[in-house]
Protein backbone atom coordinates (compact mmCIF):
# COMPACT_ATOMS: atom_id res chain seq x y z
CA MET A 1 3.98 9.89 -18.66
CA ASN A 2 7.45 10.42 -17.20
CA ALA A 3 10.77 8.69 -17.88
CA TYR A 4 10.36 6.48 -14.82
CA SER A 5 6.80 5.24 -15.42
CA ASP A 6 8.08 1.83 -16.60
CA TYR A 7 9.50 1.28 -13.11
CA LEU A 8 6.42 2.30 -11.14
CA LYS A 9 4.10 -0.15 -9.45
CA PRO A 10 0.31 0.04 -9.63
CA ASN A 11 -1.03 2.98 -7.57
CA GLU A 12 2.47 4.46 -7.29
CA ASP A 13 2.82 8.16 -8.02
CA VAL A 14 5.98 10.26 -8.37
CA ILE A 15 6.16 12.98 -5.73
CA GLU A 16 9.50 14.48 -6.73
CA THR A 17 12.57 13.79 -8.83
CA ILE A 18 15.90 15.40 -7.99
CA ASP A 19 19.45 15.10 -9.33
CA GLY A 20 21.88 13.80 -6.78
CA THR A 21 24.23 11.10 -5.60
CA MET A 22 23.31 8.12 -3.47
CA GLN A 23 25.80 5.92 -1.62
CA ARG A 24 28.82 7.50 -3.34
CA SER A 25 27.72 5.83 -6.59
CA GLY A 26 27.99 8.76 -8.95
CA LYS A 27 25.48 11.19 -10.31
CA GLY A 28 21.98 10.07 -10.96
CA THR A 29 18.37 10.87 -10.22
CA ILE A 30 16.57 10.25 -6.96
CA VAL A 31 12.85 9.62 -7.38
CA LEU A 32 10.52 9.88 -4.41
CA THR A 33 7.14 8.20 -4.88
CA ASN A 34 4.26 7.60 -2.51
CA LYS A 35 5.65 4.06 -1.98
CA ARG A 36 9.43 4.10 -2.53
CA LEU A 37 12.64 6.05 -2.71
CA ILE A 38 14.41 5.01 -5.94
CA TYR A 39 17.86 5.93 -7.20
CA PHE A 40 18.52 5.77 -10.93
CA LYS A 41 22.14 5.69 -12.03
CA ARG A 42 23.43 6.55 -15.48
CA ASN A 43 24.51 3.55 -17.56
CA GLY A 44 27.64 5.31 -18.75
CA ILE A 45 29.33 8.67 -19.17
CA LEU A 46 28.18 9.30 -22.74
CA THR A 47 24.59 8.11 -22.37
CA ASP A 48 21.42 9.50 -20.91
CA LYS A 49 20.02 6.02 -20.23
CA MET A 50 19.42 5.19 -16.59
CA HIS A 51 18.88 2.00 -14.65
CA MET A 52 17.37 1.45 -11.24
CA PHE A 53 20.26 1.10 -8.81
CA ILE A 54 18.65 1.29 -5.35
CA GLN A 55 15.01 1.08 -4.30
CA LEU A 56 13.76 1.46 -0.75
CA SER A 57 10.19 0.87 0.34
CA LEU A 58 8.93 3.72 2.50
CA GLY A 59 7.62 0.99 4.80
CA ASP A 60 11.23 -0.01 5.53
CA VAL A 61 12.37 3.57 6.34
CA ARG A 62 12.88 3.96 10.09
CA GLU A 63 14.57 7.37 10.31
CA VAL A 64 15.64 10.26 8.06
CA THR A 65 18.27 12.71 9.33
CA LEU A 66 20.76 15.30 8.04
CA SER A 67 24.48 15.31 8.70
CA GLY A 68 27.41 17.47 7.64
CA MET A 69 28.17 21.12 8.21
CA ILE A 70 28.71 22.54 4.74
CA ASN A 71 27.72 19.73 2.38
CA LYS A 72 24.57 18.35 3.95
CA ILE A 73 23.90 14.63 3.52
CA ILE A 74 20.54 12.95 3.97
CA ASN A 75 20.79 9.71 5.95
CA VAL A 76 17.98 7.24 5.36
CA LYS A 77 17.99 4.46 7.97
CA THR A 78 16.08 1.35 6.88
CA GLU A 79 15.30 -2.07 8.21
CA GLN A 80 15.53 -4.82 5.61
CA LYS A 81 15.42 -8.51 6.45
CA ASN A 82 16.00 -7.71 10.15
CA ARG A 83 19.13 -5.66 9.32
CA ILE A 84 19.53 -1.93 9.84
CA ILE A 85 21.07 -0.26 6.77
CA THR A 86 21.72 3.46 6.36
CA TYR A 87 21.77 4.94 2.86
CA THR A 88 23.20 8.39 2.23
CA CYS A 89 22.14 10.83 -0.42
CA GLN A 90 23.41 14.20 -1.54
CA CYS A 91 21.33 16.67 -3.49
CA LYS A 92 20.49 20.35 -3.78
CA GLU A 93 18.26 21.65 -1.00
CA PRO A 94 18.65 18.56 1.22
CA GLU A 95 16.51 20.04 4.03
CA ILE A 96 13.50 20.39 1.70
CA PHE A 97 13.99 16.95 0.14
CA MET A 98 14.35 15.38 3.59
CA GLN A 99 11.02 16.94 4.62
CA ARG A 100 9.39 15.56 1.47
CA ILE A 101 10.70 12.07 2.30
CA LEU A 102 9.34 12.38 5.85
CA GLY A 103 5.98 13.59 4.54
CA ALA A 104 5.75 10.70 2.06
CA LYS A 105 6.71 8.27 4.83
CA GLN A 106 3.98 9.65 7.08
CA GLU A 107 1.36 9.29 4.32
CA PHE A 108 2.63 5.85 3.24
CA ARG A 109 0.17 2.98 3.37
CA GLU A 110 1.32 -0.55 2.66
CA ASP A 111 -0.70 -2.28 -0.04
CA GLU A 112 -2.99 -4.70 1.73
CA ILE A 113 -3.55 -8.16 0.39
CA VAL A 114 -6.83 -9.52 1.62
CA GLU A 115 -7.13 -13.29 1.62
CA ALA A 116 -10.60 -14.75 1.78
CA LYS A 117 -10.72 -17.74 4.08
CA ASN A 118 -14.47 -18.33 4.12
CA VAL A 119 -17.07 -17.20 1.68
CA VAL A 120 -20.55 -16.72 3.04
CA ILE A 121 -23.39 -16.24 0.63
CA VAL A 122 -26.52 -14.84 2.13
CA GLU A 123 -29.56 -15.09 -0.05
CA GLN A 124 -31.98 -12.32 0.39
CA GLY A 125 -35.33 -13.33 -0.89
CA LYS A 126 -38.88 -12.93 0.19
CA LYS A 127 -39.66 -13.75 3.77
CA ASP A 128 -41.85 -16.71 4.52
CA SER A 129 -45.52 -15.83 4.76
CA ALA A 130 -47.48 -16.74 7.86
CA ALA A 131 -49.11 -19.62 5.95
CA ASP A 132 -45.68 -20.96 4.91
CA ILE A 133 -44.45 -20.85 8.50
CA LEU A 134 -47.58 -22.69 9.68
CA LYS A 135 -47.09 -25.35 6.99
CA LYS A 136 -43.49 -25.90 8.12
CA ARG A 137 -44.54 -26.12 11.78
CA LEU A 138 -47.24 -28.66 10.85
CA ALA A 139 -44.70 -30.70 8.84
CA ARG A 140 -42.28 -30.73 11.81
CA GLY A 141 -45.06 -31.83 14.14
CA GLU A 142 -44.94 -28.69 16.23
CA ILE A 143 -48.69 -28.12 15.80
CA THR A 144 -51.68 -30.41 15.15
CA LYS A 145 -53.89 -30.35 12.05
CA GLU A 146 -56.64 -28.69 14.08
CA GLU A 147 -54.28 -25.97 15.35
CA PHE A 148 -53.04 -25.46 11.78
CA HIS A 149 -56.62 -24.98 10.41
CA ASP A 150 -57.54 -22.72 13.30
CA LYS A 151 -54.48 -20.51 12.86
CA ILE A 152 -54.64 -20.43 9.06
CA GLN A 153 -58.22 -19.12 9.23
CA ARG A 154 -57.09 -16.24 11.47
CA THR A 155 -54.31 -15.11 9.05
């Protein structure tokens, strides 16, 4: 179990954790999972405790690019509630981390919620015998008593 497991959703796995800064908010830890990009910020200067500061669903990520000449910055463009928002993040080895984000995005699958609208129950039992079918046909008036006796003797 890792330090971030309390924040993970069902079927969410940590791909990578990296120290960095997101949105000029101070040092923290960036956690990439198979579902989200999460930034944990320190609660204070003298504490190791962290709190979740930013979380982005990989389903909302539209583009990931690098900018800057010397100090590379990862730009994560998202669409949230019909608004385009770009988050920036600085970390060591930004090219590698950017590729990991892109790989996680490519593998990302939204959790599907399946809603049942109709339930159909099909009973699979024994099939009607020839005699049962003949009895039903006789009861419906499809065949006469004579036809019934004639056919039942042949089965």
